[in-house]
Protein backbone atom coordinates (compact mmCIF):
# COMPACT_ATOMS: atom_id res chain seq x y z
CA MET A 1 -8.34 -7.45 12.53
CA LYS A 2 -10.08 -10.73 11.92
CA PRO A 3 -8.03 -13.89 12.38
CA LEU A 4 -6.81 -15.53 9.19
CA PRO A 5 -7.70 -19.10 8.24
CA SER A 6 -5.17 -21.85 8.86
CA LEU A 7 -2.30 -22.19 6.41
CA GLU A 8 -3.39 -25.80 5.78
CA LEU A 9 -6.90 -24.70 4.74
CA LEU A 10 -5.50 -22.02 2.44
CA GLN A 11 -3.05 -24.40 0.81
CA SER A 12 -5.81 -26.93 0.19
CA GLU A 13 -8.10 -24.30 -1.40
CA LEU A 14 -5.73 -21.90 -3.17
CA SER A 15 -2.42 -21.65 -4.94
CA TYR A 16 -0.50 -18.38 -4.78
CA ASP A 17 2.14 -17.19 -7.24
CA SER A 18 4.38 -14.92 -5.18
CA ASP A 19 5.96 -13.38 -8.31
CA THR A 20 2.66 -12.21 -9.84
CA GLY A 21 0.46 -12.04 -6.73
CA VAL A 22 -2.24 -14.15 -8.44
CA PHE A 23 -4.35 -16.63 -6.50
CA MET A 24 -5.95 -19.66 -8.22
CA TRP A 25 -8.58 -22.08 -6.92
CA ARG A 26 -7.15 -25.60 -6.55
CA LYS A 27 -10.39 -27.58 -6.78
CA PRO A 28 -13.94 -27.12 -8.07
CA LYS A 29 -16.59 -26.08 -5.56
CA GLN A 30 -20.27 -25.07 -5.83
CA GLY A 31 -20.31 -24.47 -9.58
CA ARG A 32 -16.81 -23.01 -9.68
CA ALA A 33 -14.18 -24.77 -11.76
CA ALA A 34 -10.66 -25.47 -10.56
CA ASN A 35 -7.75 -23.40 -11.91
CA LEU A 36 -9.73 -20.15 -12.06
CA VAL A 37 -8.34 -16.89 -10.74
CA ALA A 38 -9.66 -16.39 -7.20
CA GLY A 39 -11.16 -13.26 -5.71
CA TYR A 40 -12.80 -10.00 -6.67
CA GLN A 41 -11.78 -6.37 -6.43
CA ASN A 42 -13.48 -3.92 -4.10
CA ARG A 43 -12.10 -0.39 -3.71
CA GLY A 44 -8.90 -1.52 -5.39
CA TYR A 45 -8.19 -4.39 -2.99
CA LEU A 46 -8.51 -8.04 -3.97
CA ARG A 47 -10.79 -10.00 -1.64
CA ILE A 48 -11.10 -13.77 -1.48
CA HIS A 49 -13.96 -15.72 0.09
CA VAL A 50 -12.63 -18.83 1.91
CA ASP A 51 -14.73 -21.18 4.02
CA GLY A 52 -17.57 -18.66 4.41
CA VAL A 53 -15.38 -15.65 5.28
CA THR A 54 -14.01 -12.86 3.07
CA TYR A 55 -10.34 -11.95 3.49
CA LEU A 56 -8.04 -9.32 2.01
CA ALA A 57 -5.79 -11.13 -0.46
CA HIS A 58 -2.62 -9.31 0.61
CA ARG A 59 -2.99 -10.76 4.12
CA LEU A 60 -3.50 -14.25 2.67
CA ALA A 61 -0.46 -13.76 0.42
CA PHE A 62 1.69 -12.90 3.41
CA LEU A 63 0.47 -15.97 5.32
CA MET A 64 0.97 -18.31 2.36
CA HIS A 65 4.46 -17.01 1.60
CA TYR A 66 5.88 -16.64 5.11
CA GLY A 67 3.82 -19.31 6.89
CA ARG A 68 2.61 -16.89 9.56
CA ALA A 69 0.06 -14.15 9.95
CA PRO A 70 1.37 -10.61 9.53
CA ILE A 71 1.91 -8.48 12.60
CA GLY A 72 -0.07 -5.29 12.15
CA GLU A 73 -0.93 -4.09 8.66
CA ILE A 74 0.40 -4.89 5.21
CA ASP A 75 1.71 -2.02 3.10
CA HIS A 76 1.64 -2.15 -0.71
CA ILE A 77 5.03 -0.60 -1.43
CA ASP A 78 4.07 0.78 -4.86
CA GLY A 79 0.76 2.15 -3.57
CA ASP A 80 -1.26 -0.19 -5.83
CA PRO A 81 -3.65 -2.22 -3.63
CA SER A 82 -4.24 -4.76 -6.40
CA ASN A 83 -0.53 -5.67 -6.66
CA ASN A 84 -0.17 -8.63 -4.31
CA ALA A 85 3.25 -9.84 -5.47
CA ILE A 86 5.22 -10.65 -2.34
CA SER A 87 7.98 -8.22 -3.38
CA ASN A 88 5.38 -5.43 -3.12
CA LEU A 89 4.14 -6.34 0.37
CA ARG A 90 5.69 -5.52 3.73
CA GLU A 91 4.56 -5.44 7.33
CA ALA A 92 3.84 -1.96 8.65
CA THR A 93 2.27 -0.20 11.57
CA ARG A 94 -0.90 1.75 10.86
CA LEU A 95 1.08 5.00 10.95
CA GLU A 96 3.72 3.70 8.52
CA ASN A 97 1.03 2.38 6.19
CA SER A 98 -0.84 5.68 6.22
CA ARG A 99 2.29 7.57 5.13
CA ASN A 100 2.67 5.60 1.91
CA ARG A 101 -0.23 7.03 -0.10
CA ARG A 102 -0.52 8.44 -3.59
CA SER A 103 -1.37 12.11 -3.67
CA SER A 104 0.15 15.45 -4.41
CA ALA A 105 1.38 15.04 -0.87
CA GLY A 106 2.26 18.17 0.97
CA VAL A 107 1.93 20.65 -1.90
CA SER A 108 -0.89 23.09 -2.41
CA ARG A 109 -1.50 26.29 -4.33
CA HIS A 110 -1.85 29.41 -2.21
CA LYS A 111 -4.64 31.44 -3.84
CA LEU A 112 -3.47 34.85 -2.61
CA ARG A 113 0.22 34.55 -3.48
CA ILE A 114 1.41 35.61 -6.92
CA LYS A 115 5.22 35.47 -6.71
CA ASN A 116 5.56 32.12 -4.85
CA PRO A 117 2.12 30.50 -5.17
CA PHE A 118 3.05 26.92 -4.17
CA GLN A 119 3.30 25.97 -0.53
CA ALA A 120 4.89 22.77 0.82
CA ARG A 121 3.76 21.45 4.19
CA ILE A 122 4.47 18.26 6.11
CA LYS A 123 2.79 16.56 9.02
CA HIS A 124 5.06 14.61 11.34
CA ASN A 125 4.32 13.23 14.80
CA GLY A 126 0.89 14.86 14.73
CA LYS A 127 2.22 18.36 14.02
CA ALA A 128 1.88 20.16 10.69
CA ARG A 129 4.57 22.61 9.70
CA SER A 130 5.40 24.69 6.68
CA ILE A 131 8.42 23.77 4.60
CA GLY A 132 8.20 26.95 2.57
CA VAL A 133 6.70 28.68 -0.47
CA PHE A 134 7.99 28.18 -4.01
CA PRO A 135 7.56 29.63 -7.49
CA THR A 136 6.66 26.26 -9.10
CA PHE A 137 4.81 23.10 -8.16
CA GLU A 138 7.93 21.07 -8.98
CA ALA A 139 10.12 23.08 -6.60
CA ALA A 140 7.58 22.71 -3.80
CA ARG A 141 7.28 18.97 -4.44
CA GLU A 142 11.06 18.52 -4.39
CA ALA A 143 11.24 20.31 -1.03
CA TYR A 144 8.42 18.13 0.29
CA GLU A 145 10.14 14.97 -0.99
CA ARG A 146 13.38 15.85 0.80
CA GLU A 147 11.55 16.38 4.10
CA ALA A 148 9.36 13.29 3.68
CA ASN A 149 12.37 11.07 2.95
CA LYS A 150 14.16 12.51 5.98
CA HIS A 151 11.23 11.96 8.38
CA PHE A 152 9.53 8.84 6.98
CA GLY A 153 12.39 6.85 5.41
CA GLU A 154 11.24 3.82 3.44
CA PHE A 155 7.58 4.68 4.13
CA SER A 156 7.87 8.12 2.55
CA PRO A 157 5.06 8.95 0.14
CA ALA A 158 7.73 10.60 -2.01
CA ARG A 159 8.98 7.13 -2.94
CA ILE A 160 5.76 6.34 -4.83
CA LEU A 161 5.29 9.82 -6.20
CA GLY A 162 8.31 9.33 -8.42
CA GLY A 163 10.49 11.31 -6.09
CA ARG A 164 14.20 11.07 -5.84
CA ASP A 165 15.71 9.30 -2.90
CA SER A 166 17.59 11.93 -0.98
CA THR A 167 18.31 9.83 2.08
């Protein structure tokens, strides 16, 4: 990961509202007016160009709020990469961050089964295993959510899928 700019440089160039996650330019520069929203979105993530280098806004938000660079990666708790409110950001390892993704996680339709066509599977510590087969998508998802919460805790994808917390 590329090193972040100094906190002093960031504070002189940008303001950050930790409640909304919005960055604003402090001063005009090269045809850009002051007090404009900073950054642009690319693949869902906000990026901000500072002193000739482009940075991911969530990393800048962490630095500006806590006064230090994050250790490892930053996880968007709600799964929305454009939500840079500090309450939505937390430090995570790559593995923890990869667990917290939106999807129909762990549930698939088994084409050959008629009675119980929905299969729930989970991958943990590099090993995939079957949780079981179920008559409905909802039943399979509930079973997946229970297992995901048990194995992944606060980084469970079930937490952003609308799942119930069964921990």
